[in-house]
Amino acid sequence: MKKRPLVGWVIDGGKKGKYKGLSMHGRAEEVRDRKLRARLYAAFGRKYFGSADHRRHKEIWGEVDDPETVFVHLKVADGFWWEY
């Protein structure tokens, strides 16, 4: 993504006969701001594990300032939603 930051992504879900989703494209940018990275890290920990201190969260994401962990901001240029 550093060489070619133009990306596309899809978020979808639902149950049989009631699928819906969102398709988007835009630009990927690495989040480098330390305060924003810390907020994102904590938010992911709360959402998926109940706490950023949860053992499993740290196994997956490392520590809050782990240089191996990359956060990506997807800047939407255009998109559309669908359902069927």
N, C-alpha and C. Protein backbone atom coordinates (compact mmCIF):
# COMPACT_ATOMS: atom_id res chain seq x y z
N MET A 1 0.82 -1.19 0.00
CA MET A 1 0.00 0.00 0.00
C MET A 1 0.86 1.25 0.00
N LYS A 2 2.12 1.13 0.44
CA LYS A 2 2.99 2.30 0.40
C LYS A 2 3.28 2.71 -1.04
N LYS A 3 3.47 1.73 -1.92
CA LYS A 3 3.78 2.04 -3.31
C LYS A 3 2.53 2.41 -4.11
N ARG A 4 1.43 1.72 -3.83
CA ARG A 4 0.17 1.96 -4.54
C ARG A 4 -0.96 2.08 -3.53
N PRO A 5 -1.19 3.27 -3.01
CA PRO A 5 -2.16 3.42 -1.93
C PRO A 5 -3.63 3.40 -2.35
N LEU A 6 -3.92 3.26 -3.64
CA LEU A 6 -5.32 3.19 -4.06
C LEU A 6 -5.84 1.80 -3.77
N VAL A 7 -6.90 1.72 -2.97
CA VAL A 7 -7.43 0.44 -2.51
C VAL A 7 -8.94 0.39 -2.64
N GLY A 8 -9.47 -0.81 -2.59
CA GLY A 8 -10.90 -1.03 -2.54
C GLY A 8 -11.20 -1.98 -1.39
N TRP A 9 -12.40 -1.87 -0.81
CA TRP A 9 -12.77 -2.76 0.28
C TRP A 9 -14.27 -2.92 0.33
N VAL A 10 -14.70 -4.02 0.94
CA VAL A 10 -16.12 -4.36 1.04
C VAL A 10 -16.42 -4.75 2.48
N ILE A 11 -17.55 -4.28 2.97
CA ILE A 11 -18.08 -4.71 4.26
C ILE A 11 -19.44 -5.30 3.95
N ASP A 12 -19.65 -6.56 4.32
CA ASP A 12 -20.94 -7.18 4.02
C ASP A 12 -21.36 -8.12 5.14
N GLY A 13 -22.61 -8.52 5.07
CA GLY A 13 -23.13 -9.44 6.08
C GLY A 13 -24.60 -9.68 5.87
N GLY A 14 -25.19 -10.37 6.82
CA GLY A 14 -26.61 -10.66 6.75
C GLY A 14 -26.88 -12.14 6.82
N LYS A 15 -28.14 -12.47 6.66
CA LYS A 15 -28.59 -13.85 6.66
C LYS A 15 -29.14 -14.19 5.29
N LYS A 16 -29.24 -15.47 5.00
CA LYS A 16 -29.72 -15.93 3.70
C LYS A 16 -31.00 -15.20 3.30
N GLY A 17 -30.95 -14.61 2.12
CA GLY A 17 -32.09 -13.85 1.62
C GLY A 17 -32.13 -12.40 2.05
N LYS A 18 -31.24 -12.00 2.94
CA LYS A 18 -31.22 -10.61 3.41
C LYS A 18 -29.78 -10.13 3.56
N TYR A 19 -29.03 -10.22 2.47
CA TYR A 19 -27.64 -9.77 2.48
C TYR A 19 -27.58 -8.28 2.16
N LYS A 20 -26.62 -7.61 2.76
CA LYS A 20 -26.39 -6.21 2.42
C LYS A 20 -24.92 -5.89 2.65
N GLY A 21 -24.50 -4.83 2.01
CA GLY A 21 -23.10 -4.47 2.17
C GLY A 21 -22.79 -3.11 1.59
N LEU A 22 -21.52 -2.78 1.69
CA LEU A 22 -21.01 -1.50 1.24
C LEU A 22 -19.68 -1.75 0.54
N SER A 23 -19.55 -1.26 -0.68
CA SER A 23 -18.30 -1.37 -1.44
C SER A 23 -17.74 0.04 -1.61
N MET A 24 -16.45 0.20 -1.33
CA MET A 24 -15.84 1.52 -1.38
C MET A 24 -14.47 1.44 -2.03
N HIS A 25 -13.98 2.58 -2.47
CA HIS A 25 -12.60 2.67 -2.92
C HIS A 25 -12.06 4.03 -2.52
N GLY A 26 -10.75 4.09 -2.41
CA GLY A 26 -10.12 5.33 -1.98
C GLY A 26 -8.63 5.14 -1.76
N ARG A 27 -8.12 5.82 -0.79
CA ARG A 27 -6.68 5.87 -0.54
C ARG A 27 -6.38 5.36 0.88
N ALA A 28 -5.35 4.54 0.99
CA ALA A 28 -4.90 4.03 2.29
C ALA A 28 -3.76 4.90 2.79
N GLU A 29 -3.87 5.30 4.06
CA GLU A 29 -2.81 6.10 4.68
C GLU A 29 -2.47 5.52 6.04
N GLU A 30 -1.19 5.36 6.34
CA GLU A 30 -0.78 4.84 7.63
C GLU A 30 -1.05 5.88 8.72
N VAL A 31 -1.60 5.42 9.84
CA VAL A 31 -1.83 6.30 10.99
C VAL A 31 -0.54 6.33 11.80
N ARG A 32 0.08 7.48 11.87
CA ARG A 32 1.36 7.62 12.58
C ARG A 32 1.25 8.41 13.88
N ASP A 33 0.19 9.19 14.03
CA ASP A 33 0.02 9.99 15.24
C ASP A 33 -0.11 9.07 16.45
N ARG A 34 0.76 9.23 17.43
CA ARG A 34 0.81 8.33 18.60
C ARG A 34 -0.48 8.35 19.41
N LYS A 35 -1.07 9.53 19.59
CA LYS A 35 -2.30 9.62 20.37
C LYS A 35 -3.47 8.92 19.66
N LEU A 36 -3.57 9.12 18.36
CA LEU A 36 -4.63 8.46 17.61
C LEU A 36 -4.41 6.94 17.60
N ARG A 37 -3.18 6.49 17.43
CA ARG A 37 -2.88 5.05 17.47
C ARG A 37 -3.30 4.46 18.82
N ALA A 38 -3.02 5.18 19.90
CA ALA A 38 -3.39 4.69 21.24
C ALA A 38 -4.91 4.61 21.38
N ARG A 39 -5.63 5.59 20.85
CA ARG A 39 -7.10 5.57 20.91
C ARG A 39 -7.66 4.41 20.11
N LEU A 40 -7.11 4.18 18.91
CA LEU A 40 -7.57 3.06 18.08
C LEU A 40 -7.28 1.72 18.75
N TYR A 41 -6.09 1.59 19.30
CA TYR A 41 -5.69 0.37 20.00
C TYR A 41 -6.67 0.06 21.13
N ALA A 42 -6.97 1.07 21.94
CA ALA A 42 -7.90 0.90 23.06
C ALA A 42 -9.31 0.56 22.56
N ALA A 43 -9.75 1.22 21.49
CA ALA A 43 -11.09 0.98 20.96
C ALA A 43 -11.23 -0.45 20.43
N PHE A 44 -10.22 -0.95 19.72
CA PHE A 44 -10.26 -2.33 19.23
C PHE A 44 -10.27 -3.31 20.40
N GLY A 45 -9.48 -3.03 21.42
CA GLY A 45 -9.45 -3.89 22.60
C GLY A 45 -10.80 -3.97 23.29
N ARG A 46 -11.45 -2.81 23.46
CA ARG A 46 -12.78 -2.78 24.09
C ARG A 46 -13.81 -3.49 23.23
N LYS A 47 -13.79 -3.22 21.93
CA LYS A 47 -14.81 -3.78 21.04
C LYS A 47 -14.74 -5.30 20.97
N TYR A 48 -13.55 -5.84 20.78
CA TYR A 48 -13.42 -7.27 20.53
C TYR A 48 -13.09 -8.12 21.75
N PHE A 49 -12.56 -7.51 22.82
CA PHE A 49 -12.15 -8.30 23.98
C PHE A 49 -12.62 -7.73 25.31
N GLY A 50 -13.32 -6.59 25.28
CA GLY A 50 -13.80 -5.99 26.51
C GLY A 50 -12.78 -5.07 27.18
N SER A 51 -11.52 -5.19 26.77
CA SER A 51 -10.46 -4.36 27.36
C SER A 51 -9.21 -4.45 26.49
N ALA A 52 -8.47 -3.35 26.42
CA ALA A 52 -7.20 -3.35 25.69
C ALA A 52 -6.14 -4.13 26.46
N ASP A 53 -6.40 -4.44 27.72
CA ASP A 53 -5.45 -5.21 28.53
C ASP A 53 -5.66 -6.72 28.43
N HIS A 54 -6.69 -7.13 27.70
CA HIS A 54 -6.99 -8.56 27.57
C HIS A 54 -5.81 -9.28 26.92
N ARG A 55 -5.48 -10.44 27.45
CA ARG A 55 -4.34 -11.22 26.97
C ARG A 55 -4.42 -11.49 25.45
N ARG A 56 -5.56 -11.89 24.98
CA ARG A 56 -5.72 -12.23 23.55
C ARG A 56 -5.53 -10.99 22.67
N HIS A 57 -6.03 -9.86 23.12
CA HIS A 57 -5.85 -8.61 22.37
C HIS A 57 -4.37 -8.31 22.20
N LYS A 58 -3.61 -8.45 23.28
CA LYS A 58 -2.17 -8.17 23.21
C LYS A 58 -1.43 -9.20 22.36
N GLU A 59 -1.91 -10.45 22.33
CA GLU A 59 -1.30 -11.46 21.47
C GLU A 59 -1.45 -11.08 20.00
N ILE A 60 -2.59 -10.54 19.65
CA ILE A 60 -2.88 -10.20 18.26
C ILE A 60 -2.24 -8.86 17.87
N TRP A 61 -2.42 -7.83 18.69
CA TRP A 61 -2.01 -6.47 18.34
C TRP A 61 -0.65 -6.07 18.89
N GLY A 62 -0.10 -6.85 19.83
CA GLY A 62 1.14 -6.44 20.48
C GLY A 62 0.83 -5.38 21.52
N GLU A 63 1.84 -4.65 21.91
CA GLU A 63 1.65 -3.55 22.85
C GLU A 63 1.17 -2.31 22.08
N VAL A 64 0.68 -1.33 22.79
CA VAL A 64 0.10 -0.14 22.17
C VAL A 64 1.07 0.57 21.22
N ASP A 65 2.35 0.56 21.54
CA ASP A 65 3.33 1.26 20.70
C ASP A 65 4.21 0.30 19.90
N ASP A 66 3.72 -0.91 19.65
CA ASP A 66 4.47 -1.92 18.91
C ASP A 66 4.75 -1.43 17.48
N PRO A 67 6.02 -1.30 17.09
CA PRO A 67 6.35 -0.82 15.75
C PRO A 67 5.95 -1.79 14.64
N GLU A 68 5.66 -3.04 14.99
CA GLU A 68 5.24 -4.03 14.00
C GLU A 68 3.75 -3.92 13.66
N THR A 69 2.99 -3.19 14.47
CA THR A 69 1.57 -3.03 14.24
C THR A 69 1.32 -1.77 13.42
N VAL A 70 0.59 -1.93 12.34
CA VAL A 70 0.29 -0.80 11.45
C VAL A 70 -1.22 -0.55 11.46
N PHE A 71 -1.60 0.69 11.69
CA PHE A 71 -2.99 1.11 11.59
C PHE A 71 -3.15 1.85 10.27
N VAL A 72 -4.21 1.54 9.54
CA VAL A 72 -4.43 2.15 8.23
C VAL A 72 -5.75 2.91 8.24
N HIS A 73 -5.70 4.15 7.80
CA HIS A 73 -6.90 4.98 7.63
C HIS A 73 -7.28 4.88 6.16
N LEU A 74 -8.52 4.46 5.90
CA LEU A 74 -9.00 4.34 4.54
C LEU A 74 -9.83 5.58 4.20
N LYS A 75 -9.30 6.42 3.34
CA LYS A 75 -9.99 7.65 2.95
C LYS A 75 -10.86 7.36 1.73
N VAL A 76 -12.16 7.40 1.93
CA VAL A 76 -13.12 7.03 0.89
C VAL A 76 -13.18 8.09 -0.20
N ALA A 77 -13.08 7.65 -1.46
CA ALA A 77 -13.27 8.53 -2.60
C ALA A 77 -14.70 8.37 -3.15
N ASP A 78 -15.18 7.12 -3.15
CA ASP A 78 -16.52 6.84 -3.66
C ASP A 78 -16.92 5.43 -3.22
N GLY A 79 -18.20 5.16 -3.32
CA GLY A 79 -18.68 3.83 -2.94
C GLY A 79 -20.17 3.70 -3.20
N PHE A 80 -20.68 2.54 -2.90
CA PHE A 80 -22.11 2.29 -3.06
C PHE A 80 -22.51 1.17 -2.09
N TRP A 81 -23.80 1.13 -1.76
CA TRP A 81 -24.32 0.08 -0.90
C TRP A 81 -25.24 -0.81 -1.73
N TRP A 82 -25.45 -2.00 -1.23
CA TRP A 82 -26.30 -2.94 -1.94
C TRP A 82 -26.97 -3.88 -0.95
N GLU A 83 -28.06 -4.48 -1.42
CA GLU A 83 -28.72 -5.51 -0.64
C GLU A 83 -29.50 -6.41 -1.58
N TYR A 84 -29.62 -7.66 -1.16
CA TYR A 84 -30.42 -8.62 -1.92
C TYR A 84 -30.81 -9.79 -1.04
